[in-house]
Amino acid sequence: MAAWFGVHRSTISRSIAEIRPLLAERGCLVHDGVRLRTLSDVVAYLGHHPQALMDATEVRVRRPIAGRPGRDRFVSGKARLNTIKALVICDPLGRLLFCGETRPGSMHDLTQARTAGLVDLLLNAPLDVQILADAGYQGLGTDTNGAVITPRPKPRKRQASLPPSVIAAHEASRKRHSSQRIRVEHAIGHLKNWRILGRYHGRRDSFDTSVRAIAGLLSDHQHTDRTEHHPRRIRALPAAPHQR
């Protein structure tokens, strides 16, 4: 871009640094111009649309300089890489409601949700609010009076002698739960389609604003009726020889 406009690359970098927070503050679009910017906005929205899906995603970032305090905080125990994770919440159709509350990769998903204040918000939410999450959030349902629903834990070794019908019912319940929350995995996949989130090469302290800005842009794209702006083009049939 600097070459296109004939300016120095620092000018473009400074402009991006000024625009990125503005895009991040727009939040995720839901309907009629209403935007959700914080977790409290999401929980208030769930009071009228009580179902949502939740998960966390990790993005690889630059490794901190050797000798810097807290260098190991970004090492993910799952990916074995230096990552930052973001909390993602979407509706049952896979449309983004929130993406943010970033934490270093070493933090567990459950701890991330607790430190973000989600437990206190859900305790004051209506009773019919339900957020489906994966097994990484087991225990959060107890903290939120059942607002967060996680799959049943796998049978332990000493429970291997359970009747086959009980084991089959348990597996069917887990598959049903997984099929219901697959939409949040699709939403995360749409986020990762942006090259900057494939592997983040920028400064780690700017990752939060970057991922929130991309979530806002993706949310606008999800609510855009592309058939209205791009109507199907119908080619005219060639005229018959006797009509020429």
C-alpha atoms as a PDB file:
ATOM      1  CA  MET A   1       0.000   0.000   0.000  1.00  0.00           C
ATOM      2  CA  ALA A   2       2.882   2.346   0.679  1.00  0.00           C
ATOM      3  CA  ALA A   3       4.180   1.702  -2.835  1.00  0.00           C
ATOM      4  CA  TRP A   4       0.755   2.318  -4.355  1.00  0.00           C
ATOM      5  CA  PHE A   5       0.298   5.686  -2.652  1.00  0.00           C
ATOM      6  CA  GLY A   6       3.952   6.723  -2.836  1.00  0.00           C
ATOM      7  CA  VAL A   7       4.452   7.133   0.917  1.00  0.00           C
ATOM      8  CA  HIS A   8       6.685   5.528   3.530  1.00  0.00           C
ATOM      9  CA  ARG A   9       5.584   2.221   5.072  1.00  0.00           C
ATOM     10  CA  SER A  10       5.541   3.847   8.533  1.00  0.00           C
ATOM     11  CA  THR A  11       2.759   6.149   7.315  1.00  0.00           C
ATOM     12  CA  ILE A  12       0.591   3.156   6.402  1.00  0.00           C
ATOM     13  CA  SER A  13       1.416   1.413   9.686  1.00  0.00           C
ATOM     14  CA  ARG A  14       0.430   4.525  11.633  1.00  0.00           C
ATOM     15  CA  SER A  15      -2.844   4.786   9.730  1.00  0.00           C
ATOM     16  CA  ILE A  16      -3.636   1.110  10.389  1.00  0.00           C
ATOM     17  CA  ALA A  17      -2.896   1.600  14.093  1.00  0.00           C
ATOM     18  CA  GLU A  18      -5.390   4.458  14.155  1.00  0.00           C
ATOM     19  CA  ILE A  19      -8.129   2.636  12.220  1.00  0.00           C
ATOM     20  CA  ARG A  20      -7.849  -0.746  13.978  1.00  0.00           C
ATOM     21  CA  PRO A  21      -9.312   0.425  17.351  1.00  0.00           C
ATOM     22  CA  LEU A  22     -12.189   2.134  15.537  1.00  0.00           C
ATOM     23  CA  LEU A  23     -13.121  -1.120  13.806  1.00  0.00           C
ATOM     24  CA  ALA A  24     -12.725  -3.057  17.069  1.00  0.00           C
ATOM     25  CA  GLU A  25     -15.161  -0.773  18.900  1.00  0.00           C
ATOM     26  CA  ARG A  26     -17.914  -1.366  16.336  1.00  0.00           C
ATOM     27  CA  GLY A  27     -18.705  -4.788  17.789  1.00  0.00           C
ATOM     28  CA  CYS A  28     -20.761  -7.569  16.206  1.00  0.00           C
ATOM     29  CA  LEU A  29     -23.961  -6.774  14.346  1.00  0.00           C
ATOM     30  CA  VAL A  30     -27.106  -8.664  15.338  1.00  0.00           C
ATOM     31  CA  HIS A  31     -30.102  -6.903  13.780  1.00  0.00           C
ATOM     32  CA  ASP A  32     -31.423  -3.426  12.910  1.00  0.00           C
ATOM     33  CA  GLY A  33     -28.087  -1.784  13.605  1.00  0.00           C
ATOM     34  CA  VAL A  34     -27.801  -3.225  17.141  1.00  0.00           C
ATOM     35  CA  ARG A  35     -24.218  -4.174  17.956  1.00  0.00           C
ATOM     36  CA  LEU A  36     -22.767  -6.234  20.803  1.00  0.00           C
ATOM     37  CA  ARG A  37     -19.424  -4.966  22.092  1.00  0.00           C
ATOM     38  CA  THR A  38     -18.956  -6.598  25.500  1.00  0.00           C
ATOM     39  CA  LEU A  39     -19.948  -9.799  27.285  1.00  0.00           C
ATOM     40  CA  SER A  40     -22.574  -7.881  29.238  1.00  0.00           C
ATOM     41  CA  ASP A  41     -24.157  -6.833  25.934  1.00  0.00           C
ATOM     42  CA  VAL A  42     -24.181 -10.479  24.827  1.00  0.00           C
ATOM     43  CA  VAL A  43     -25.853 -11.686  28.033  1.00  0.00           C
ATOM     44  CA  ALA A  44     -28.455  -8.911  27.768  1.00  0.00           C
ATOM     45  CA  TYR A  45     -29.107  -9.980  24.169  1.00  0.00           C
ATOM     46  CA  LEU A  46     -29.518 -13.600  25.300  1.00  0.00           C
ATOM     47  CA  GLY A  47     -32.374 -12.460  27.524  1.00  0.00           C
ATOM     48  CA  HIS A  48     -34.434 -12.166  24.319  1.00  0.00           C
ATOM     49  CA  HIS A  49     -32.645 -14.850  22.260  1.00  0.00           C
ATOM     50  CA  PRO A  50     -31.755 -17.391  24.956  1.00  0.00           C
ATOM     51  CA  GLN A  51     -29.580 -19.859  23.042  1.00  0.00           C
ATOM     52  CA  ALA A  52     -25.933 -19.429  22.070  1.00  0.00           C
ATOM     53  CA  LEU A  53     -22.775 -21.438  21.424  1.00  0.00           C
ATOM     54  CA  MET A  54     -19.363 -20.827  22.994  1.00  0.00           C
ATOM     55  CA  ASP A  55     -15.800 -21.947  22.412  1.00  0.00           C
ATOM     56  CA  ALA A  56     -12.236 -20.621  22.455  1.00  0.00           C
ATOM     57  CA  THR A  57      -9.783 -20.468  19.575  1.00  0.00           C
ATOM     58  CA  GLU A  58      -5.997 -20.186  19.611  1.00  0.00           C
ATOM     59  CA  VAL A  59      -3.903 -18.168  17.167  1.00  0.00           C
ATOM     60  CA  ARG A  60      -0.169 -18.594  16.856  1.00  0.00           C
ATOM     61  CA  VAL A  61       1.830 -15.462  17.714  1.00  0.00           C
ATOM     62  CA  ARG A  62       5.462 -14.448  17.895  1.00  0.00           C
ATOM     63  CA  ARG A  63       7.575 -15.990  20.616  1.00  0.00           C
ATOM     64  CA  PRO A  64       8.599 -13.504  23.339  1.00  0.00           C
ATOM     65  CA  ILE A  65      12.262 -12.561  23.566  1.00  0.00           C
ATOM     66  CA  ALA A  66      14.441 -14.867  25.653  1.00  0.00           C
ATOM     67  CA  GLY A  67      14.795 -13.688  29.229  1.00  0.00           C
ATOM     68  CA  ARG A  68      11.608 -11.642  29.207  1.00  0.00           C
ATOM     69  CA  PRO A  69       9.412 -12.250  32.303  1.00  0.00           C
ATOM     70  CA  GLY A  70       6.299 -14.303  31.635  1.00  0.00           C
ATOM     71  CA  ARG A  71       7.670 -15.805  28.461  1.00  0.00           C
ATOM     72  CA  ASP A  72       6.127 -19.222  29.158  1.00  0.00           C
ATOM     73  CA  ARG A  73       2.616 -17.788  29.576  1.00  0.00           C
ATOM     74  CA  PHE A  74       2.049 -17.912  25.831  1.00  0.00           C
ATOM     75  CA  VAL A  75       3.006 -21.580  25.423  1.00  0.00           C
ATOM     76  CA  SER A  76      -0.159 -23.564  24.792  1.00  0.00           C
ATOM     77  CA  GLY A  77      -0.313 -26.966  26.427  1.00  0.00           C
ATOM     78  CA  LYS A  78      -2.556 -28.190  23.609  1.00  0.00           C
ATOM     79  CA  ALA A  79      -0.834 -26.779  20.537  1.00  0.00           C
ATOM     80  CA  ARG A  80       2.716 -26.803  22.006  1.00  0.00           C
ATOM     81  CA  LEU A  81       3.196 -23.389  20.393  1.00  0.00           C
ATOM     82  CA  ASN A  82       3.144 -19.736  21.416  1.00  0.00           C
ATOM     83  CA  THR A  83      -0.479 -18.711  21.082  1.00  0.00           C
ATOM     84  CA  ILE A  84      -3.133 -16.282  22.240  1.00  0.00           C
ATOM     85  CA  LYS A  85      -6.702 -17.517  22.678  1.00  0.00           C
ATOM     86  CA  ALA A  86      -9.906 -15.590  22.133  1.00  0.00           C
ATOM     87  CA  LEU A  87     -13.406 -16.335  23.431  1.00  0.00           C
ATOM     88  CA  VAL A  88     -15.979 -16.814  20.641  1.00  0.00           C
ATOM     89  CA  ILE A  89     -19.766 -16.763  21.104  1.00  0.00           C
ATOM     90  CA  CYS A  90     -22.265 -17.171  18.272  1.00  0.00           C
ATOM     91  CA  ASP A  91     -25.978 -17.840  17.826  1.00  0.00           C
ATOM     92  CA  PRO A  92     -27.396 -21.260  16.790  1.00  0.00           C
ATOM     93  CA  LEU A  93     -27.074 -20.217  13.122  1.00  0.00           C
ATOM     94  CA  GLY A  94     -23.344 -19.589  13.466  1.00  0.00           C
ATOM     95  CA  ARG A  95     -23.499 -15.777  13.328  1.00  0.00           C
ATOM     96  CA  LEU A  96     -20.977 -14.089  15.574  1.00  0.00           C
ATOM     97  CA  LEU A  97     -22.153 -12.408  18.750  1.00  0.00           C
ATOM     98  CA  PHE A  98     -18.784 -11.822  20.407  1.00  0.00           C
ATOM     99  CA  CYS A  99     -15.084 -12.435  19.926  1.00  0.00           C
ATOM    100  CA  GLY A 100     -12.542 -11.123  22.401  1.00  0.00           C
ATOM    101  CA  GLU A 101     -11.388 -11.404  26.019  1.00  0.00           C
ATOM    102  CA  THR A 102      -8.028 -12.619  24.744  1.00  0.00           C
ATOM    103  CA  ARG A 103      -5.697 -14.421  27.129  1.00  0.00           C
ATOM    104  CA  PRO A 104      -2.238 -16.062  26.812  1.00  0.00           C
ATOM    105  CA  GLY A 105      -2.251 -19.546  25.350  1.00  0.00           C
ATOM    106  CA  SER A 106      -1.285 -21.272  28.597  1.00  0.00           C
ATOM    107  CA  MET A 107      -4.598 -20.323  30.235  1.00  0.00           C
ATOM    108  CA  HIS A 108      -7.309 -22.985  30.276  1.00  0.00           C
ATOM    109  CA  ASP A 109     -10.599 -22.293  28.510  1.00  0.00           C
ATOM    110  CA  LEU A 110     -12.517 -22.551  31.785  1.00  0.00           C
ATOM    111  CA  THR A 111     -10.197 -20.084  33.507  1.00  0.00           C
ATOM    112  CA  GLN A 112     -10.524 -17.679  30.600  1.00  0.00           C
ATOM    113  CA  ALA A 113     -14.315 -17.648  30.900  1.00  0.00           C
ATOM    114  CA  ARG A 114     -14.130 -17.117  34.653  1.00  0.00           C
ATOM    115  CA  THR A 115     -11.594 -14.295  34.499  1.00  0.00           C
ATOM    116  CA  ALA A 116     -13.687 -12.614  31.791  1.00  0.00           C
ATOM    117  CA  GLY A 117     -16.552 -12.284  34.311  1.00  0.00           C
ATOM    118  CA  LEU A 118     -18.917 -14.579  32.433  1.00  0.00           C
ATOM    119  CA  VAL A 119     -19.970 -16.453  35.581  1.00  0.00           C
ATOM    120  CA  ASP A 120     -21.225 -13.348  37.383  1.00  0.00           C
ATOM    121  CA  LEU A 121     -23.065 -12.175  34.272  1.00  0.00           C
ATOM    122  CA  LEU A 122     -24.846 -15.497  33.769  1.00  0.00           C
ATOM    123  CA  LEU A 123     -25.877 -15.709  37.431  1.00  0.00           C
ATOM    124  CA  ASN A 124     -27.901 -12.525  36.909  1.00  0.00           C
ATOM    125  CA  ALA A 125     -29.238 -13.627  33.503  1.00  0.00           C
ATOM    126  CA  PRO A 126     -32.770 -15.008  32.909  1.00  0.00           C
ATOM    127  CA  LEU A 127     -33.278 -18.649  33.775  1.00  0.00           C
ATOM    128  CA  ASP A 128     -33.942 -19.739  30.187  1.00  0.00           C
ATOM    129  CA  VAL A 129     -30.495 -18.662  28.912  1.00  0.00           C
ATOM    130  CA  GLN A 130     -28.524 -21.646  27.561  1.00  0.00           C
ATOM    131  CA  ILE A 131     -24.976 -21.610  26.219  1.00  0.00           C
ATOM    132  CA  LEU A 132     -23.666 -24.829  24.702  1.00  0.00           C
ATOM    133  CA  ALA A 133     -19.948 -25.458  25.215  1.00  0.00           C
ATOM    134  CA  ASP A 134     -17.504 -28.337  24.825  1.00  0.00           C
ATOM    135  CA  ALA A 135     -15.943 -30.517  27.512  1.00  0.00           C
ATOM    136  CA  GLY A 136     -13.292 -27.889  28.234  1.00  0.00           C
ATOM    137  CA  TYR A 137     -15.912 -25.901  30.153  1.00  0.00           C
ATOM    138  CA  GLN A 138     -17.078 -28.705  32.445  1.00  0.00           C
ATOM    139  CA  GLY A 139     -17.818 -27.248  35.848  1.00  0.00           C
ATOM    140  CA  LEU A 140     -19.019 -23.929  34.454  1.00  0.00           C
ATOM    141  CA  GLY A 141     -22.584 -25.213  34.407  1.00  0.00           C
ATOM    142  CA  THR A 142     -22.517 -25.671  38.170  1.00  0.00           C
ATOM    143  CA  ASP A 143     -21.104 -22.181  38.666  1.00  0.00           C
ATOM    144  CA  THR A 144     -23.848 -20.622  36.511  1.00  0.00           C
ATOM    145  CA  ASN A 145     -26.861 -22.631  37.760  1.00  0.00           C
ATOM    146  CA  GLY A 146     -27.067 -24.622  34.545  1.00  0.00           C
ATOM    147  CA  ALA A 147     -26.770 -21.727  32.093  1.00  0.00           C
ATOM    148  CA  VAL A 148     -23.733 -23.365  30.450  1.00  0.00           C
ATOM    149  CA  ILE A 149     -24.421 -26.856  29.111  1.00  0.00           C
ATOM    150  CA  THR A 150     -21.493 -29.209  28.508  1.00  0.00           C
ATOM    151  CA  PRO A 151     -21.464 -32.867  27.363  1.00  0.00           C
ATOM    152  CA  ARG A 152     -21.445 -35.611  29.931  1.00  0.00           C
ATOM    153  CA  PRO A 153     -17.966 -36.760  30.933  1.00  0.00           C
ATOM    154  CA  LYS A 154     -16.716 -40.010  29.527  1.00  0.00           C
ATOM    155  CA  PRO A 155     -17.204 -43.111  31.719  1.00  0.00           C
ATOM    156  CA  ARG A 156     -14.229 -43.803  33.939  1.00  0.00           C
ATOM    157  CA  LYS A 157     -12.311 -47.065  33.889  1.00  0.00           C
ATOM    158  CA  ARG A 158     -14.180 -48.464  36.848  1.00  0.00           C
ATOM    159  CA  GLN A 159     -17.458 -47.733  35.050  1.00  0.00           C
ATOM    160  CA  ALA A 160     -16.521 -49.798  31.999  1.00  0.00           C
ATOM    161  CA  SER A 161     -18.821 -52.573  33.176  1.00  0.00           C
ATOM    162  CA  LEU A 162     -21.945 -50.458  32.631  1.00  0.00           C
ATOM    163  CA  PRO A 163     -24.733 -52.024  30.551  1.00  0.00           C
ATOM    164  CA  PRO A 164     -24.310 -51.526  26.789  1.00  0.00           C
ATOM    165  CA  SER A 165     -27.620 -49.643  26.634  1.00  0.00           C
ATOM    166  CA  VAL A 166     -26.324 -47.041  29.133  1.00  0.00           C
ATOM    167  CA  ILE A 167     -23.060 -46.603  27.230  1.00  0.00           C
ATOM    168  CA  ALA A 168     -24.949 -46.274  23.921  1.00  0.00           C
ATOM    169  CA  ALA A 169     -27.287 -43.650  25.406  1.00  0.00           C
ATOM    170  CA  HIS A 170     -24.288 -41.776  26.742  1.00  0.00           C
ATOM    171  CA  GLU A 171     -22.558 -41.728  23.349  1.00  0.00           C
ATOM    172  CA  ALA A 172     -25.777 -40.663  21.611  1.00  0.00           C
ATOM    173  CA  SER A 173     -26.109 -37.765  24.040  1.00  0.00           C
ATOM    174  CA  ARG A 174     -22.525 -36.644  23.362  1.00  0.00           C
ATOM    175  CA  LYS A 175     -23.014 -36.822  19.583  1.00  0.00           C
ATOM    176  CA  ARG A 176     -26.264 -34.871  19.821  1.00  0.00           C
ATOM    177  CA  HIS A 177     -24.547 -32.172  21.858  1.00  0.00           C
ATOM    178  CA  SER A 178     -21.644 -32.044  19.413  1.00  0.00           C
ATOM    179  CA  SER A 179     -23.951 -31.682  16.409  1.00  0.00           C
ATOM    180  CA  GLN A 180     -25.762 -28.800  18.111  1.00  0.00           C
ATOM    181  CA  ARG A 181     -22.596 -26.818  18.813  1.00  0.00           C
ATOM    182  CA  ILE A 182     -20.827 -27.485  15.499  1.00  0.00           C
ATOM    183  CA  ARG A 183     -21.893 -24.040  14.308  1.00  0.00           C
ATOM    184  CA  VAL A 184     -19.405 -22.342  16.594  1.00  0.00           C
ATOM    185  CA  GLU A 185     -16.633 -24.386  14.995  1.00  0.00           C
ATOM    186  CA  HIS A 186     -17.797 -23.107  11.623  1.00  0.00           C
ATOM    187  CA  ALA A 187     -17.732 -19.526  12.945  1.00  0.00           C
ATOM    188  CA  ILE A 188     -14.165 -20.026  14.143  1.00  0.00           C
ATOM    189  CA  GLY A 189     -13.286 -21.438  10.742  1.00  0.00           C
ATOM    190  CA  HIS A 190     -14.642 -18.302   9.060  1.00  0.00           C
ATOM    191  CA  LEU A 191     -12.476 -16.205  11.373  1.00  0.00           C
ATOM    192  CA  LYS A 192      -9.403 -18.263  10.514  1.00  0.00           C
ATOM    193  CA  ASN A 193     -10.074 -17.676   6.806  1.00  0.00           C
ATOM    194  CA  TRP A 194      -8.615 -14.220   7.357  1.00  0.00           C
ATOM    195  CA  ARG A 195      -4.912 -14.652   6.707  1.00  0.00           C
ATOM    196  CA  ILE A 196      -3.892 -12.427   9.619  1.00  0.00           C
ATOM    197  CA  LEU A 197      -5.475 -14.959  12.013  1.00  0.00           C
ATOM    198  CA  GLY A 198      -3.787 -17.932  10.396  1.00  0.00           C
ATOM    199  CA  ARG A 199      -0.624 -16.806  12.146  1.00  0.00           C
ATOM    200  CA  TYR A 200      -0.450 -13.375  13.739  1.00  0.00           C
ATOM    201  CA  HIS A 201       2.834 -11.627  12.925  1.00  0.00           C
ATOM    202  CA  GLY A 202       2.006  -8.312  14.601  1.00  0.00           C
ATOM    203  CA  ARG A 203       2.620  -7.184  18.149  1.00  0.00           C
ATOM    204  CA  ARG A 204       0.950  -9.347  20.770  1.00  0.00           C
ATOM    205  CA  ASP A 205      -0.507  -6.339  22.567  1.00  0.00           C
ATOM    206  CA  SER A 206      -2.454  -5.383  19.411  1.00  0.00           C
ATOM    207  CA  PHE A 207      -3.944  -8.846  18.872  1.00  0.00           C
ATOM    208  CA  ASP A 208      -7.080  -8.128  20.905  1.00  0.00           C
ATOM    209  CA  THR A 209      -8.067  -5.111  18.809  1.00  0.00           C
ATOM    210  CA  SER A 210      -7.216  -6.964  15.601  1.00  0.00           C
ATOM    211  CA  VAL A 211      -9.385 -10.001  16.349  1.00  0.00           C
ATOM    212  CA  ARG A 212     -12.302  -7.814  17.483  1.00  0.00           C
ATOM    213  CA  ALA A 213     -12.020  -5.715  14.327  1.00  0.00           C
ATOM    214  CA  ILE A 214     -12.078  -8.834  12.137  1.00  0.00           C
ATOM    215  CA  ALA A 215     -15.042 -10.219  14.093  1.00  0.00           C
ATOM    216  CA  GLY A 216     -16.980  -7.014  13.447  1.00  0.00           C
ATOM    217  CA  LEU A 217     -16.232  -7.144   9.725  1.00  0.00           C
ATOM    218  CA  LEU A 218     -17.185 -10.818   9.544  1.00  0.00           C
ATOM    219  CA  SER A 219     -20.403 -10.102  11.423  1.00  0.00           C
ATOM    220  CA  ASP A 220     -21.328  -7.437   8.861  1.00  0.00           C
ATOM    221  CA  HIS A 221     -20.608  -9.910   6.083  1.00  0.00           C
ATOM    222  CA  GLN A 222     -22.818 -12.562   7.701  1.00  0.00           C
ATOM    223  CA  HIS A 223     -25.774 -10.144   7.813  1.00  0.00           C
ATOM    224  CA  THR A 224     -25.356  -8.938   4.235  1.00  0.00           C
ATOM    225  CA  ASP A 225     -27.840 -10.256   1.716  1.00  0.00           C
ATOM    226  CA  ARG A 226     -25.487 -10.796  -1.209  1.00  0.00           C
ATOM    227  CA  THR A 227     -28.316 -11.747  -3.542  1.00  0.00           C
ATOM    228  CA  GLU A 228     -29.747  -8.247  -3.142  1.00  0.00           C
ATOM    229  CA  HIS A 229     -26.513  -6.487  -4.077  1.00  0.00           C
ATOM    230  CA  HIS A 230     -25.468  -8.998  -6.731  1.00  0.00           C
ATOM    231  CA  PRO A 231     -28.572 -10.118  -8.654  1.00  0.00           C
ATOM    232  CA  ARG A 232     -28.184 -13.062 -10.939  1.00  0.00           C
ATOM    233  CA  ARG A 233     -27.362 -12.010 -14.451  1.00  0.00           C
ATOM    234  CA  ILE A 234     -29.523 -13.611 -17.116  1.00  0.00           C
ATOM    235  CA  ARG A 235     -28.103 -13.616 -20.609  1.00  0.00           C
ATOM    236  CA  ALA A 236     -30.455 -12.776 -23.433  1.00  0.00           C
ATOM    237  CA  LEU A 237     -31.012 -15.554 -25.940  1.00  0.00           C
ATOM    238  CA  PRO A 238     -29.780 -14.882 -29.443  1.00  0.00           C
ATOM    239  CA  ALA A 239     -32.435 -13.711 -31.837  1.00  0.00           C
ATOM    240  CA  ALA A 240     -33.915 -16.212 -34.260  1.00  0.00           C
ATOM    241  CA  PRO A 241     -32.735 -15.983 -37.907  1.00  0.00           C
ATOM    242  CA  HIS A 242     -36.118 -14.657 -39.088  1.00  0.00           C
ATOM    243  CA  GLN A 243     -36.010 -11.894 -36.409  1.00  0.00           C
ATOM    244  CA  ARG A 244     -32.620 -10.500 -37.406  1.00  0.00           C
END
